[in-house]
Amino acid sequence: MANVYLGTEIKTKSKIEPEISQEQNKVRMVLVGLSLLHSHEKGKNWKKRMRMRKKNTQF
């Protein structure tokens, strides 16, 4: 198993089925990925606005 943390969670939480823990982990990873994409796009838009603002203020 590549994810040590997931393996530990599956071993320690015997009440939860391993398949459920794996699916929860997949959902977590998707949410982290979406958050990173959103942050990246927000940063690109911010940089673009700053460049335009600098162009508009230069004489």
Protein backbone atom coordinates (compact mmCIF):
# COMPACT_ATOMS: atom_id res chain seq x y z
CA MET A 1 0.00 0.00 0.00
CA ALA A 2 1.47 3.32 -1.09
CA ASN A 3 -0.33 5.49 1.46
CA VAL A 4 1.06 4.72 4.93
CA TYR A 5 -1.46 6.98 6.65
CA LEU A 6 -4.38 5.23 4.98
CA GLY A 7 -2.97 1.83 5.96
CA THR A 8 -2.66 2.94 9.58
CA GLU A 9 -6.19 4.32 9.57
CA ILE A 10 -7.57 1.07 8.20
CA LYS A 11 -5.72 -0.97 10.84
CA THR A 12 -6.71 1.22 13.80
CA LYS A 13 -10.36 1.75 12.87
CA SER A 14 -11.57 -1.82 12.71
CA LYS A 15 -15.24 -0.75 12.91
CA ILE A 16 -15.01 0.95 9.50
CA GLU A 17 -14.70 -1.30 6.47
CA PRO A 18 -11.44 -0.83 4.53
CA GLU A 19 -13.34 -0.04 1.33
CA ILE A 20 -15.07 2.88 3.03
CA SER A 21 -11.77 4.26 4.31
CA GLN A 22 -10.26 3.97 0.85
CA GLU A 23 -13.18 5.80 -0.73
CA GLN A 24 -13.00 8.51 1.94
CA ASN A 25 -9.32 8.90 1.15
CA LYS A 26 -10.07 9.22 -2.58
CA VAL A 27 -12.61 11.95 -1.84
CA ARG A 28 -10.07 13.77 0.36
CA MET A 29 -7.47 13.66 -2.42
CA VAL A 30 -9.97 14.97 -4.98
CA LEU A 31 -10.90 17.85 -2.68
CA VAL A 32 -7.24 18.71 -2.09
CA GLY A 33 -6.62 18.64 -5.85
CA LEU A 34 -9.60 20.88 -6.55
CA SER A 35 -8.44 23.27 -3.85
CA LEU A 36 -4.98 23.45 -5.42
CA LEU A 37 -6.44 24.10 -8.87
CA HIS A 38 -8.70 26.82 -7.52
CA SER A 39 -5.80 28.45 -5.69
CA HIS A 40 -3.62 28.30 -8.80
CA GLU A 41 -6.30 29.86 -11.01
CA LYS A 42 -6.98 32.55 -8.43
CA GLY A 43 -3.26 33.36 -8.35
CA LYS A 44 -3.06 33.58 -12.15
CA ASN A 45 -6.03 35.95 -12.24
CA TRP A 46 -4.47 38.11 -9.53
CA LYS A 47 -1.18 38.35 -11.42
CA LYS A 48 -3.03 39.25 -14.61
CA ARG A 49 -4.96 42.03 -12.85
CA MET A 50 -1.75 43.42 -11.35
CA ARG A 51 -0.07 43.51 -14.77
CA MET A 52 -3.06 45.33 -16.26
CA ARG A 53 -3.12 47.76 -13.37
CA LYS A 54 0.57 48.54 -13.88
CA LYS A 55 0.01 49.12 -17.61
CA ASN A 56 -2.88 51.49 -16.91
CA THR A 57 -0.93 53.54 -14.34
CA GLN A 58 2.21 53.99 -16.47
CA PHE A 59 2.52 57.23 -18.41
